[in-house]
Structure formats: structure tokens, C-alpha cells
Amino acid sequence: MAFDSAGTLYEAVEANPAVDNIHKFSPLGVDLGNFATFPAVDGPMFLAFEPSPVSEPSSLTLLAMGLSVLVGSF
């Protein structure tokens, strides 16, 4: 498992030694980067993170999302 600076949890799962699978868990469901794995000699798999630019949601977008949830709860 690995965390990025935003506190997002990432888990690397080796389902098949020939094919490495990466599962991303993001609290906002946003793709925060590109991932790669590579085998170590007689050791575990390593996770490499290459950040990609992600635009933050605007205050107006967050307000609209909050209002839609509030209205939907009534």
C-alpha cells in the first residue's frame, strides 16, 4: 500500500507474476497519476508514482454538488 501527499490510498496487488495489477482508491474518484510496477531481485514488487496534473474542483462546483445532495435528501 502507498499514500500520496493528499492522503489517497493506493494498493498494489500482484495477481499474476507475469501481469501486475494496480488498484487505485481515491476519495474523490479522481485519477491522480500514472502507476508502474517492477520486480525486485528476490524481493517484493515496488510501486512507482508519477503525478499528473489534476484540476481542483471550483468552489461553485462544490456548492452545486452540496446543494444537489441537500435538495435530494428532502
N, C-alpha and C. Protein backbone atom coordinates (compact mmCIF):
# COMPACT_ATOMS: atom_id res chain seq x y z
N MET A 1 0.83 -1.18 0.00
CA MET A 1 0.00 0.00 0.00
C MET A 1 0.88 1.24 0.00
N ALA A 2 0.34 2.31 -0.55
CA ALA A 2 1.07 3.57 -0.58
C ALA A 2 0.09 4.72 -0.46
N PHE A 3 0.58 5.82 0.10
CA PHE A 3 -0.21 7.04 0.21
C PHE A 3 0.50 8.14 -0.55
N ASP A 4 -0.28 9.01 -1.20
CA ASP A 4 0.33 10.18 -1.80
C ASP A 4 0.19 11.35 -0.83
N SER A 5 0.66 12.53 -1.23
CA SER A 5 0.66 13.68 -0.33
C SER A 5 -0.74 14.15 0.02
N ALA A 6 -1.74 13.78 -0.77
CA ALA A 6 -3.12 14.17 -0.48
C ALA A 6 -3.82 13.17 0.44
N GLY A 7 -3.12 12.10 0.82
CA GLY A 7 -3.70 11.10 1.70
C GLY A 7 -4.50 10.04 0.97
N THR A 8 -4.36 9.96 -0.33
CA THR A 8 -5.08 8.96 -1.12
C THR A 8 -4.39 7.61 -0.97
N LEU A 9 -5.18 6.58 -0.77
CA LEU A 9 -4.64 5.24 -0.57
C LEU A 9 -4.54 4.52 -1.91
N TYR A 10 -3.40 3.92 -2.15
CA TYR A 10 -3.18 3.11 -3.34
C TYR A 10 -2.71 1.74 -2.90
N GLU A 11 -3.23 0.70 -3.54
CA GLU A 11 -2.85 -0.66 -3.19
C GLU A 11 -2.38 -1.38 -4.44
N ALA A 12 -1.20 -1.96 -4.36
CA ALA A 12 -0.67 -2.74 -5.48
C ALA A 12 -0.92 -4.22 -5.20
N VAL A 13 -1.50 -4.89 -6.15
CA VAL A 13 -1.82 -6.30 -5.99
C VAL A 13 -1.15 -7.09 -7.10
N GLU A 14 -0.39 -8.09 -6.73
CA GLU A 14 0.26 -8.96 -7.71
C GLU A 14 -0.61 -10.20 -7.87
N ALA A 15 -1.53 -10.16 -8.83
CA ALA A 15 -2.44 -11.28 -9.04
C ALA A 15 -1.78 -12.40 -9.83
N ASN A 16 -0.88 -12.03 -10.70
CA ASN A 16 -0.18 -12.99 -11.54
C ASN A 16 1.25 -12.49 -11.69
N PRO A 17 2.26 -13.32 -11.44
CA PRO A 17 3.65 -12.84 -11.55
C PRO A 17 3.98 -12.22 -12.90
N ALA A 18 3.28 -12.64 -13.95
CA ALA A 18 3.56 -12.09 -15.28
C ALA A 18 2.80 -10.80 -15.55
N VAL A 19 1.72 -10.58 -14.82
CA VAL A 19 0.88 -9.40 -15.04
C VAL A 19 0.66 -8.71 -13.71
N ASP A 20 1.11 -7.49 -13.59
CA ASP A 20 0.97 -6.74 -12.34
C ASP A 20 -0.27 -5.86 -12.42
N ASN A 21 -1.08 -5.95 -11.40
CA ASN A 21 -2.32 -5.16 -11.36
C ASN A 21 -2.19 -4.07 -10.31
N ILE A 22 -2.70 -2.91 -10.64
CA ILE A 22 -2.71 -1.80 -9.70
C ILE A 22 -4.16 -1.40 -9.45
N HIS A 23 -4.52 -1.33 -8.19
CA HIS A 23 -5.84 -0.86 -7.81
C HIS A 23 -5.68 0.51 -7.18
N LYS A 24 -6.43 1.47 -7.67
CA LYS A 24 -6.36 2.83 -7.14
C LYS A 24 -7.62 3.10 -6.31
N PHE A 25 -7.42 3.68 -5.15
CA PHE A 25 -8.53 4.09 -4.31
C PHE A 25 -8.38 5.58 -4.06
N SER A 26 -9.30 6.35 -4.56
CA SER A 26 -9.24 7.80 -4.41
C SER A 26 -10.54 8.27 -3.77
N PRO A 27 -10.46 9.10 -2.73
CA PRO A 27 -11.70 9.55 -2.07
C PRO A 27 -12.60 10.35 -3.00
N LEU A 28 -12.05 11.00 -4.02
CA LEU A 28 -12.85 11.80 -4.94
C LEU A 28 -13.08 11.08 -6.26
N GLY A 29 -12.54 9.88 -6.42
CA GLY A 29 -12.68 9.17 -7.67
C GLY A 29 -11.93 9.82 -8.81
N VAL A 30 -10.84 10.50 -8.49
CA VAL A 30 -10.07 11.23 -9.49
C VAL A 30 -8.79 10.47 -9.79
N ASP A 31 -8.44 10.38 -11.06
CA ASP A 31 -7.18 9.76 -11.45
C ASP A 31 -6.06 10.73 -11.12
N LEU A 32 -5.24 10.39 -10.15
CA LEU A 32 -4.21 11.31 -9.68
C LEU A 32 -2.84 11.05 -10.29
N GLY A 33 -2.70 10.03 -11.10
CA GLY A 33 -1.38 9.81 -11.67
C GLY A 33 -1.28 8.52 -12.44
N ASN A 34 -0.08 8.25 -12.90
CA ASN A 34 0.22 7.03 -13.65
C ASN A 34 1.04 6.11 -12.76
N PHE A 35 0.79 4.82 -12.87
CA PHE A 35 1.43 3.86 -11.99
C PHE A 35 2.19 2.80 -12.78
N ALA A 36 3.24 2.34 -12.19
CA ALA A 36 4.02 1.27 -12.81
C ALA A 36 4.60 0.40 -11.71
N THR A 37 4.73 -0.88 -11.98
CA THR A 37 5.39 -1.78 -11.04
C THR A 37 6.58 -2.42 -11.73
N PHE A 38 7.54 -2.79 -10.94
CA PHE A 38 8.68 -3.51 -11.49
C PHE A 38 9.19 -4.48 -10.44
N PRO A 39 9.61 -5.67 -10.83
CA PRO A 39 10.05 -6.67 -9.86
C PRO A 39 11.45 -6.39 -9.35
N ALA A 40 11.65 -6.66 -8.08
CA ALA A 40 12.99 -6.57 -7.50
C ALA A 40 13.59 -7.97 -7.50
N VAL A 41 14.89 -8.05 -7.51
CA VAL A 41 15.56 -9.34 -7.49
C VAL A 41 15.37 -9.95 -6.11
N ASP A 42 14.72 -11.12 -6.06
CA ASP A 42 14.45 -11.81 -4.80
C ASP A 42 13.80 -10.89 -3.77
N GLY A 43 12.86 -10.09 -4.22
CA GLY A 43 12.21 -9.17 -3.28
C GLY A 43 10.79 -8.86 -3.71
N PRO A 44 10.18 -7.93 -3.03
CA PRO A 44 8.79 -7.58 -3.32
C PRO A 44 8.66 -6.71 -4.56
N MET A 45 7.43 -6.50 -4.96
CA MET A 45 7.15 -5.58 -6.05
C MET A 45 7.23 -4.15 -5.51
N PHE A 46 7.67 -3.23 -6.34
CA PHE A 46 7.74 -1.83 -5.94
C PHE A 46 6.72 -1.03 -6.73
N LEU A 47 6.21 0.01 -6.12
CA LEU A 47 5.21 0.86 -6.74
C LEU A 47 5.83 2.21 -7.05
N ALA A 48 5.75 2.64 -8.29
CA ALA A 48 6.27 3.94 -8.69
C ALA A 48 5.10 4.84 -9.04
N PHE A 49 5.13 6.06 -8.55
CA PHE A 49 4.03 7.00 -8.78
C PHE A 49 4.54 8.20 -9.57
N GLU A 50 3.88 8.47 -10.67
CA GLU A 50 4.22 9.64 -11.47
C GLU A 50 3.01 10.56 -11.47
N PRO A 51 3.06 11.67 -10.73
CA PRO A 51 1.87 12.52 -10.62
C PRO A 51 1.49 13.14 -11.95
N SER A 52 0.20 13.33 -12.13
CA SER A 52 -0.29 14.03 -13.31
C SER A 52 -1.11 15.22 -12.86
N PRO A 53 -1.12 16.28 -13.63
CA PRO A 53 -1.86 17.47 -13.20
C PRO A 53 -3.36 17.20 -13.16
N VAL A 54 -3.96 17.56 -12.05
CA VAL A 54 -5.40 17.39 -11.87
C VAL A 54 -5.96 18.72 -11.40
N SER A 55 -6.97 19.22 -12.08
CA SER A 55 -7.56 20.48 -11.67
C SER A 55 -8.47 20.26 -10.48
N GLU A 56 -8.37 21.14 -9.51
CA GLU A 56 -9.22 21.07 -8.33
C GLU A 56 -10.61 21.56 -8.70
N PRO A 57 -11.65 20.98 -8.10
CA PRO A 57 -13.00 21.47 -8.39
C PRO A 57 -13.17 22.89 -7.86
N SER A 58 -13.90 23.71 -8.58
CA SER A 58 -14.10 25.10 -8.17
C SER A 58 -15.07 25.16 -7.00
N SER A 59 -15.08 26.29 -6.30
CA SER A 59 -15.99 26.49 -5.18
C SER A 59 -17.44 26.41 -5.65
N LEU A 60 -17.71 26.96 -6.84
CA LEU A 60 -19.07 26.92 -7.38
C LEU A 60 -19.51 25.48 -7.65
N THR A 61 -18.60 24.66 -8.16
CA THR A 61 -18.92 23.25 -8.40
C THR A 61 -19.22 22.53 -7.09
N LEU A 62 -18.39 22.78 -6.07
CA LEU A 62 -18.62 22.15 -4.76
C LEU A 62 -19.93 22.60 -4.15
N LEU A 63 -20.26 23.90 -4.30
CA LEU A 63 -21.52 24.42 -3.79
C LEU A 63 -22.70 23.75 -4.49
N ALA A 64 -22.62 23.62 -5.81
CA ALA A 64 -23.70 22.98 -6.57
C ALA A 64 -23.87 21.53 -6.16
N MET A 65 -22.75 20.83 -5.93
CA MET A 65 -22.82 19.43 -5.50
C MET A 65 -23.48 19.34 -4.13
N GLY A 66 -23.08 20.24 -3.22
CA GLY A 66 -23.66 20.25 -1.87
C GLY A 66 -25.15 20.53 -1.89
N LEU A 67 -25.57 21.50 -2.72
CA LEU A 67 -26.99 21.83 -2.82
C LEU A 67 -27.79 20.69 -3.42
N SER A 68 -27.23 20.00 -4.40
CA SER A 68 -27.96 18.89 -5.01
C SER A 68 -28.15 17.75 -4.01
N VAL A 69 -27.16 17.52 -3.17
CA VAL A 69 -27.29 16.49 -2.13
C VAL A 69 -28.31 16.92 -1.10
N LEU A 70 -28.27 18.21 -0.70
CA LEU A 70 -29.20 18.73 0.29
C LEU A 70 -30.64 18.66 -0.22
N VAL A 71 -30.88 19.09 -1.45
CA VAL A 71 -32.22 19.06 -2.03
C VAL A 71 -32.69 17.62 -2.22
N GLY A 72 -31.79 16.75 -2.59
CA GLY A 72 -32.15 15.35 -2.80
C GLY A 72 -32.52 14.62 -1.53
N SER A 73 -32.11 15.15 -0.37
CA SER A 73 -32.39 14.46 0.89
C SER A 73 -33.78 14.79 1.43
N PHE A 74 -34.47 15.76 0.83
CA PHE A 74 -35.82 16.12 1.30
C PHE A 74 -36.89 15.42 0.53
